[in-house]
C-alpha atoms as a PDB file:
ATOM      1  CA  MET A   1      12.989  24.037  18.223  1.00  0.00           C
ATOM      2  CA  ALA A   2      11.146  25.724  15.444  1.00  0.00           C
ATOM      3  CA  SER A   3       8.660  24.227  13.702  1.00  0.00           C
ATOM      4  CA  SER A   4       6.713  25.359  10.156  1.00  0.00           C
ATOM      5  CA  LEU A   5       4.040  23.049  11.380  1.00  0.00           C
ATOM      6  CA  THR A   6       0.530  24.290  12.945  1.00  0.00           C
ATOM      7  CA  CYS A   7      -0.666  22.058  16.113  1.00  0.00           C
ATOM      8  CA  THR A   8      -2.718  20.247  13.127  1.00  0.00           C
ATOM      9  CA  GLY A   9      -0.534  20.181  11.197  1.00  0.00           C
ATOM     10  CA  VAL A  10       1.891  18.658  13.556  1.00  0.00           C
ATOM     11  CA  ILE A  11      -1.309  15.680  13.605  1.00  0.00           C
ATOM     12  CA  TRP A  12      -1.342  15.781  10.057  1.00  0.00           C
ATOM     13  CA  ALA A  13       2.281  14.722  10.544  1.00  0.00           C
ATOM     14  CA  LEU A  14       2.051  11.944  12.325  1.00  0.00           C
ATOM     15  CA  LEU A  15      -1.525  10.698  10.949  1.00  0.00           C
ATOM     16  CA  SER A  16       0.365  10.668   7.520  1.00  0.00           C
ATOM     17  CA  PHE A  17       3.449   8.127   9.074  1.00  0.00           C
ATOM     18  CA  LEU A  18       0.990   6.420  10.393  1.00  0.00           C
ATOM     19  CA  CYS A  19      -1.006   5.279   7.312  1.00  0.00           C
ATOM     20  CA  ALA A  20       2.358   5.483   5.282  1.00  0.00           C
ATOM     21  CA  ALA A  21       3.546   3.245   7.658  1.00  0.00           C
ATOM     22  CA  THR A  22       0.281   0.906   7.809  1.00  0.00           C
ATOM     23  CA  SER A  23       0.207   0.819   4.229  1.00  0.00           C
ATOM     24  CA  CYS A  24       3.905  -0.044   3.484  1.00  0.00           C
ATOM     25  CA  VAL A  25       4.388  -3.075   5.636  1.00  0.00           C
ATOM     26  CA  GLY A  26       0.600  -4.810   4.197  1.00  0.00           C
ATOM     27  CA  PHE A  27       1.647  -4.456   0.738  1.00  0.00           C
ATOM     28  CA  PHE A  28       5.492  -6.214   1.623  1.00  0.00           C
ATOM     29  CA  MET A  29       3.857  -8.693   3.761  1.00  0.00           C
ATOM     30  CA  PRO A  30       2.724 -12.134   1.624  1.00  0.00           C
ATOM     31  CA  TYR A  31      -0.664 -12.077   3.763  1.00  0.00           C
ATOM     32  CA  TRP A  32      -3.021 -11.230   1.406  1.00  0.00           C
ATOM     33  CA  LEU A  33      -4.539 -13.799   0.577  1.00  0.00           C
ATOM     34  CA  TRP A  34      -5.088 -17.157   2.379  1.00  0.00           C
ATOM     35  CA  GLY A  35      -5.649 -20.649   1.125  1.00  0.00           C
ATOM     36  CA  SER A  36      -4.207 -24.163   1.859  1.00  0.00           C
ATOM     37  CA  GLN A  37      -2.425 -26.787  -0.382  1.00  0.00           C
ATOM     38  CA  LEU A  38      -1.423 -30.501   0.328  1.00  0.00           C
ATOM     39  CA  GLY A  39      -2.521 -29.946   3.904  1.00  0.00           C
ATOM     40  CA  LYS A  40      -0.605 -26.617   4.794  1.00  0.00           C
ATOM     41  CA  PRO A  41      -1.027 -22.751   5.327  1.00  0.00           C
ATOM     42  CA  VAL A  42      -0.165 -21.250   2.086  1.00  0.00           C
ATOM     43  CA  SER A  43      -0.169 -17.015   1.270  1.00  0.00           C
ATOM     44  CA  PHE A  44      -0.138 -15.150  -0.847  1.00  0.00           C
ATOM     45  CA  GLY A  45       0.759 -11.635  -1.880  1.00  0.00           C
ATOM     46  CA  THR A  46       1.466  -9.637  -4.694  1.00  0.00           C
ATOM     47  CA  PHE A  47       5.186 -10.320  -5.086  1.00  0.00           C
ATOM     48  CA  ARG A  48       5.684 -12.473  -2.329  1.00  0.00           C
ATOM     49  CA  ARG A  49       4.267 -16.259  -1.221  1.00  0.00           C
ATOM     50  CA  CYS A  50       4.132 -17.974   1.960  1.00  0.00           C
ATOM     51  CA  SER A  51       4.648 -21.978   1.533  1.00  0.00           C
ATOM     52  CA  TYR A  52       4.773 -23.401  -2.074  1.00  0.00           C
ATOM     53  CA  PRO A  53       5.080 -26.831  -3.783  1.00  0.00           C
ATOM     54  CA  VAL A  54       8.804 -28.667  -4.589  1.00  0.00           C
ATOM     55  CA  HIS A  55       9.070 -32.414  -5.674  1.00  0.00           C
ATOM     56  CA  ASP A  56      11.184 -34.412  -3.733  1.00  0.00           C
ATOM     57  CA  GLU A  57      13.072 -36.992  -5.134  1.00  0.00           C
ATOM     58  CA  SER A  58      13.917 -39.673  -2.624  1.00  0.00           C
ATOM     59  CA  ARG A  59       9.677 -39.710  -2.321  1.00  0.00           C
ATOM     60  CA  GLN A  60       8.765 -39.432  -5.157  1.00  0.00           C
ATOM     61  CA  MET A  61       5.980 -36.737  -4.206  1.00  0.00           C
ATOM     62  CA  MET A  62       5.021 -33.518  -4.171  1.00  0.00           C
ATOM     63  CA  VAL A  63       5.896 -31.885  -0.488  1.00  0.00           C
ATOM     64  CA  MET A  64       5.386 -28.024   0.367  1.00  0.00           C
ATOM     65  CA  VAL A  65       8.251 -25.876   1.647  1.00  0.00           C
ATOM     66  CA  GLU A  66       7.144 -23.835   4.421  1.00  0.00           C
ATOM     67  CA  GLU A  67       9.277 -20.995   4.195  1.00  0.00           C
ATOM     68  CA  CYS A  68       8.314 -17.361   2.829  1.00  0.00           C
ATOM     69  CA  GLY A  69      10.254 -15.314   0.312  1.00  0.00           C
ATOM     70  CA  ARG A  70       9.630 -13.240  -3.336  1.00  0.00           C
ATOM     71  CA  TYR A  71       9.249 -14.852  -6.860  1.00  0.00           C
ATOM     72  CA  ALA A  72      12.372 -15.698  -8.057  1.00  0.00           C
ATOM     73  CA  SER A  73      11.691 -12.784 -11.261  1.00  0.00           C
ATOM     74  CA  PHE A  74       9.541 -10.086 -12.177  1.00  0.00           C
ATOM     75  CA  GLN A  75       8.479 -12.271 -14.322  1.00  0.00           C
ATOM     76  CA  GLY A  76       7.340 -14.890 -12.451  1.00  0.00           C
ATOM     77  CA  ILE A  77       4.494 -13.582 -10.656  1.00  0.00           C
ATOM     78  CA  PRO A  78       1.894 -15.294 -11.198  1.00  0.00           C
ATOM     79  CA  SER A  79      -0.782 -12.834 -12.678  1.00  0.00           C
ATOM     80  CA  ALA A  80      -0.163  -9.627 -15.425  1.00  0.00           C
ATOM     81  CA  GLU A  81      -2.653  -8.412 -13.345  1.00  0.00           C
ATOM     82  CA  TRP A  82      -0.505  -8.631 -10.099  1.00  0.00           C
ATOM     83  CA  ARG A  83       2.790  -7.469 -11.460  1.00  0.00           C
ATOM     84  CA  ILE A  84       0.840  -4.156 -12.227  1.00  0.00           C
ATOM     85  CA  CYS A  85      -0.541  -4.712  -8.667  1.00  0.00           C
ATOM     86  CA  THR A  86       2.933  -4.414  -7.717  1.00  0.00           C
ATOM     87  CA  ILE A  87       4.026  -1.533  -9.714  1.00  0.00           C
ATOM     88  CA  VAL A  88       0.975   0.749  -9.044  1.00  0.00           C
ATOM     89  CA  THR A  89       0.655  -0.266  -5.378  1.00  0.00           C
ATOM     90  CA  GLY A  90       4.453   0.006  -4.359  1.00  0.00           C
ATOM     91  CA  LEU A  91       4.303   3.715  -5.538  1.00  0.00           C
ATOM     92  CA  GLY A  92       1.489   4.877  -4.149  1.00  0.00           C
ATOM     93  CA  CYS A  93       3.283   3.633  -1.259  1.00  0.00           C
ATOM     94  CA  GLY A  94       6.393   4.896  -1.555  1.00  0.00           C
ATOM     95  CA  LEU A  95       4.520   8.601  -2.481  1.00  0.00           C
ATOM     96  CA  LEU A  96       3.183   8.110   1.054  1.00  0.00           C
ATOM     97  CA  LEU A  97       5.961   7.652   2.820  1.00  0.00           C
ATOM     98  CA  LEU A  98       7.116  10.649   0.718  1.00  0.00           C
ATOM     99  CA  VAL A  99       5.018  12.908   1.892  1.00  0.00           C
ATOM    100  CA  ALA A 100       4.894  11.400   5.977  1.00  0.00           C
ATOM    101  CA  LEU A 101       8.492  11.881   5.631  1.00  0.00           C
ATOM    102  CA  THR A 102       8.563  15.492   4.321  1.00  0.00           C
ATOM    103  CA  ALA A 103       5.339  16.072   6.841  1.00  0.00           C
ATOM    104  CA  LEU A 104       7.736  15.054   9.599  1.00  0.00           C
ATOM    105  CA  MET A 105      10.466  17.290   9.062  1.00  0.00           C
ATOM    106  CA  GLY A 106       8.076  20.104   9.035  1.00  0.00           C
ATOM    107  CA  CYS A 107       7.798  19.030  12.650  1.00  0.00           C
ATOM    108  CA  CYS A 108      11.484  20.585  13.370  1.00  0.00           C
ATOM    109  CA  VAL A 109      12.573  22.445  10.776  1.00  0.00           C
ATOM    110  CA  SER A 110      10.773  26.259   9.847  1.00  0.00           C
ATOM    111  CA  ASP A 111       9.692  27.526   6.680  1.00  0.00           C
ATOM    112  CA  LEU A 112       9.832  23.660   5.139  1.00  0.00           C
ATOM    113  CA  ILE A 113       5.769  23.511   4.837  1.00  0.00           C
ATOM    114  CA  SER A 114       3.998  26.396   4.262  1.00  0.00           C
ATOM    115  CA  ARG A 115      -0.056  26.573   3.562  1.00  0.00           C
ATOM    116  CA  THR A 116       0.458  26.133   0.056  1.00  0.00           C
ATOM    117  CA  VAL A 117       3.414  23.427   0.636  1.00  0.00           C
ATOM    118  CA  GLY A 118       0.759  21.603   2.911  1.00  0.00           C
ATOM    119  CA  ARG A 119      -2.453  21.211   0.277  1.00  0.00           C
ATOM    120  CA  VAL A 120      -0.199  20.553  -2.525  1.00  0.00           C
ATOM    121  CA  ALA A 121       1.187  16.986   0.141  1.00  0.00           C
ATOM    122  CA  GLY A 122      -2.576  16.837   0.739  1.00  0.00           C
ATOM    123  CA  GLY A 123      -3.055  17.015  -3.100  1.00  0.00           C
ATOM    124  CA  ILE A 124      -0.997  14.393  -3.208  1.00  0.00           C
ATOM    125  CA  GLN A 125      -2.505  11.918  -0.948  1.00  0.00           C
ATOM    126  CA  PHE A 126      -5.506  11.832  -2.465  1.00  0.00           C
ATOM    127  CA  LEU A 127      -6.940  12.572  -6.065  1.00  0.00           C
ATOM    128  CA  GLY A 128      -8.023  16.005  -6.786  1.00  0.00           C
ATOM    129  CA  GLU A 129     -11.489  17.561  -7.527  1.00  0.00           C
ATOM    130  CA  GLY A 130     -10.112  20.718  -9.310  1.00  0.00           C
ATOM    131  CA  ARG A 131      -9.731  22.523  -5.422  1.00  0.00           C
ATOM    132  CA  VAL A 132      -7.630  24.433  -4.097  1.00  0.00           C
ATOM    133  CA  CYS A 133      -6.775  21.570  -0.905  1.00  0.00           C
ATOM    134  CA  PHE A 134      -6.516  19.490  -3.571  1.00  0.00           C
ATOM    135  CA  PRO A 135      -4.617  20.360  -7.077  1.00  0.00           C
ATOM    136  CA  PHE A 136      -2.607  17.007  -7.471  1.00  0.00           C
ATOM    137  CA  ARG A 137      -3.462  13.379  -7.794  1.00  0.00           C
ATOM    138  CA  HIS A 138      -1.549  10.564  -6.786  1.00  0.00           C
ATOM    139  CA  ASP A 139      -1.147   8.022  -4.587  1.00  0.00           C
ATOM    140  CA  CYS A 140      -4.568   7.076  -2.255  1.00  0.00           C
ATOM    141  CA  LEU A 141      -5.971   5.873  -5.783  1.00  0.00           C
ATOM    142  CA  LEU A 142      -3.006   4.110  -6.954  1.00  0.00           C
ATOM    143  CA  ILE A 143      -3.077   1.893  -3.560  1.00  0.00           C
ATOM    144  CA  GLY A 144      -6.320   1.762  -4.587  1.00  0.00           C
ATOM    145  CA  ALA A 145      -6.472   0.988  -7.597  1.00  0.00           C
ATOM    146  CA  GLY A 146      -3.956  -1.870  -6.930  1.00  0.00           C
ATOM    147  CA  CYS A 147      -5.624  -3.580  -4.068  1.00  0.00           C
ATOM    148  CA  ALA A 148      -8.713  -3.794  -7.402  1.00  0.00           C
ATOM    149  CA  LEU A 149      -6.812  -5.433  -9.498  1.00  0.00           C
ATOM    150  CA  TYR A 150      -5.297  -7.818  -6.817  1.00  0.00           C
ATOM    151  CA  PRO A 151      -8.385  -9.990  -7.184  1.00  0.00           C
ATOM    152  CA  LEU A 152      -8.089 -10.487 -11.391  1.00  0.00           C
ATOM    153  CA  GLY A 153      -5.711 -12.331 -10.562  1.00  0.00           C
ATOM    154  CA  TRP A 154      -7.393 -15.045  -8.652  1.00  0.00           C
ATOM    155  CA  ASP A 155      -7.570 -17.226 -11.638  1.00  0.00           C
ATOM    156  CA  SER A 156      -4.474 -17.722 -11.984  1.00  0.00           C
ATOM    157  CA  GLU A 157      -2.993 -21.385 -11.492  1.00  0.00           C
ATOM    158  CA  GLU A 158      -0.846 -20.773  -8.782  1.00  0.00           C
ATOM    159  CA  VAL A 159      -4.226 -19.691  -6.809  1.00  0.00           C
ATOM    160  CA  ARG A 160      -6.314 -22.105  -8.465  1.00  0.00           C
ATOM    161  CA  GLN A 161      -4.027 -24.790  -6.910  1.00  0.00           C
ATOM    162  CA  THR A 162      -4.446 -23.815  -3.491  1.00  0.00           C
ATOM    163  CA  CYS A 163      -7.988 -22.228  -3.293  1.00  0.00           C
ATOM    164  CA  GLY A 164      -9.636 -24.686  -5.845  1.00  0.00           C
ATOM    165  CA  TYR A 165     -10.564 -25.096  -9.407  1.00  0.00           C
ATOM    166  CA  THR A 166     -13.604 -23.746  -8.810  1.00  0.00           C
ATOM    167  CA  SER A 167     -11.563 -20.182  -7.550  1.00  0.00           C
ATOM    168  CA  GLY A 168     -11.311 -17.562 -10.708  1.00  0.00           C
ATOM    169  CA  GLN A 169     -11.303 -13.708 -11.273  1.00  0.00           C
ATOM    170  CA  PHE A 170     -13.008 -12.126  -8.153  1.00  0.00           C
ATOM    171  CA  ASP A 171     -14.043 -15.554  -6.494  1.00  0.00           C
ATOM    172  CA  LEU A 172     -12.227 -16.473  -3.967  1.00  0.00           C
ATOM    173  CA  GLY A 173     -12.910 -20.386  -4.073  1.00  0.00           C
ATOM    174  CA  LYS A 174     -11.804 -22.013  -0.940  1.00  0.00           C
ATOM    175  CA  CYS A 175      -9.618 -18.509   0.189  1.00  0.00           C
ATOM    176  CA  GLU A 176     -10.095 -16.167   2.061  1.00  0.00           C
ATOM    177  CA  ILE A 177      -8.302 -12.538   2.303  1.00  0.00           C
ATOM    178  CA  GLY A 178      -5.809 -12.139   4.775  1.00  0.00           C
ATOM    179  CA  TRP A 179      -4.965  -9.570   6.940  1.00  0.00           C
ATOM    180  CA  ALA A 180      -2.227  -7.139   4.541  1.00  0.00           C
ATOM    181  CA  TYR A 181      -4.653  -6.903   2.440  1.00  0.00           C
ATOM    182  CA  TYR A 182      -7.017  -5.104   4.649  1.00  0.00           C
ATOM    183  CA  CYS A 183      -4.134  -2.959   5.826  1.00  0.00           C
ATOM    184  CA  THR A 184      -2.857  -1.375   2.738  1.00  0.00           C
ATOM    185  CA  GLY A 185      -6.374  -0.234   2.063  1.00  0.00           C
ATOM    186  CA  ALA A 186      -7.298   1.048   5.548  1.00  0.00           C
ATOM    187  CA  GLY A 187      -3.222   3.063   5.743  1.00  0.00           C
ATOM    188  CA  ALA A 188      -4.699   4.748   2.281  1.00  0.00           C
ATOM    189  CA  THR A 189      -8.426   5.249   2.864  1.00  0.00           C
ATOM    190  CA  ALA A 190      -7.275   6.964   6.228  1.00  0.00           C
ATOM    191  CA  ALA A 191      -4.859   9.259   4.425  1.00  0.00           C
ATOM    192  CA  MET A 192      -7.339   9.381   1.944  1.00  0.00           C
ATOM    193  CA  LEU A 193     -10.318  10.920   4.493  1.00  0.00           C
ATOM    194  CA  LEU A 194      -7.996  12.397   6.861  1.00  0.00           C
ATOM    195  CA  CYS A 195      -5.359  13.374   5.824  1.00  0.00           C
ATOM    196  CA  THR A 196      -5.663  15.310   3.055  1.00  0.00           C
ATOM    197  CA  TRP A 197      -8.020  17.857   4.518  1.00  0.00           C
ATOM    198  CA  LEU A 198      -5.558  18.209   7.795  1.00  0.00           C
ATOM    199  CA  ALA A 199      -3.236  19.532   5.199  1.00  0.00           C
ATOM    200  CA  CYS A 200      -5.305  22.412   4.142  1.00  0.00           C
ATOM    201  CA  PHE A 201      -4.599  23.408   7.349  1.00  0.00           C
ATOM    202  CA  SER A 202      -1.224  22.355   8.710  1.00  0.00           C
ATOM    203  CA  GLY A 203       1.471  25.068   6.951  1.00  0.00           C
ATOM    204  CA  LYS A 204       2.002  27.937   8.847  1.00  0.00           C
ATOM    205  CA  LYS A 205       1.215  31.104   7.243  1.00  0.00           C
ATOM    206  CA  GLN A 206       3.986  33.106   5.604  1.00  0.00           C
ATOM    207  CA  LYS A 207       5.639  35.986   6.579  1.00  0.00           C
ATOM    208  CA  HIS A 208       5.901  38.461   4.875  1.00  0.00           C
ATOM    209  CA  TYR A 209       9.274  40.883   5.037  1.00  0.00           C
ATOM    210  CA  PRO A 210       8.471  44.721   3.318  1.00  0.00           C
ATOM    211  CA  TYR A 211      12.025  45.629   2.238  1.00  0.00           C
END
């Protein structure tokens, strides 16, 4: 089967997909922040949470519903910072996935990815510095910005109910960072440090036919 990628390009395609999948899974999972409320474990993502309090009319008390789900509306997300984080991180993950799927297609489609296209794809995976290999700017920086914005929402009422009223921006209180936060950041970091470099050598040199 014809391929438009070099051996390095195949490694880049597989690694790009792994990084994209890691970041996307981490972004979707509601385990960015761990805590407890009313004796039950609670976790938050950017747009989802697990376990939430409801008022039990029969017992006239607050009880915890132990299930995971997204907020009923975008405005229902506890803070403006988390809403921005959701948009920015989601866009970054989407771009990472788009580049990864294009790279995988290059494994079995000839003339899809040239050297120039590979360098452009690498540039989309990382904020460029104006050099040949990094001419564009996009998704890893978006995901990094989303991860940096997330702690700004720790002063919201929902988080303080779970983490204690000593919590605030960049102050976890009684809570701790969950694995999904690290997963999202690790995928973006690996793409930034490895994929952008491999992309420079991913495409085969185009043939020039005399006419």
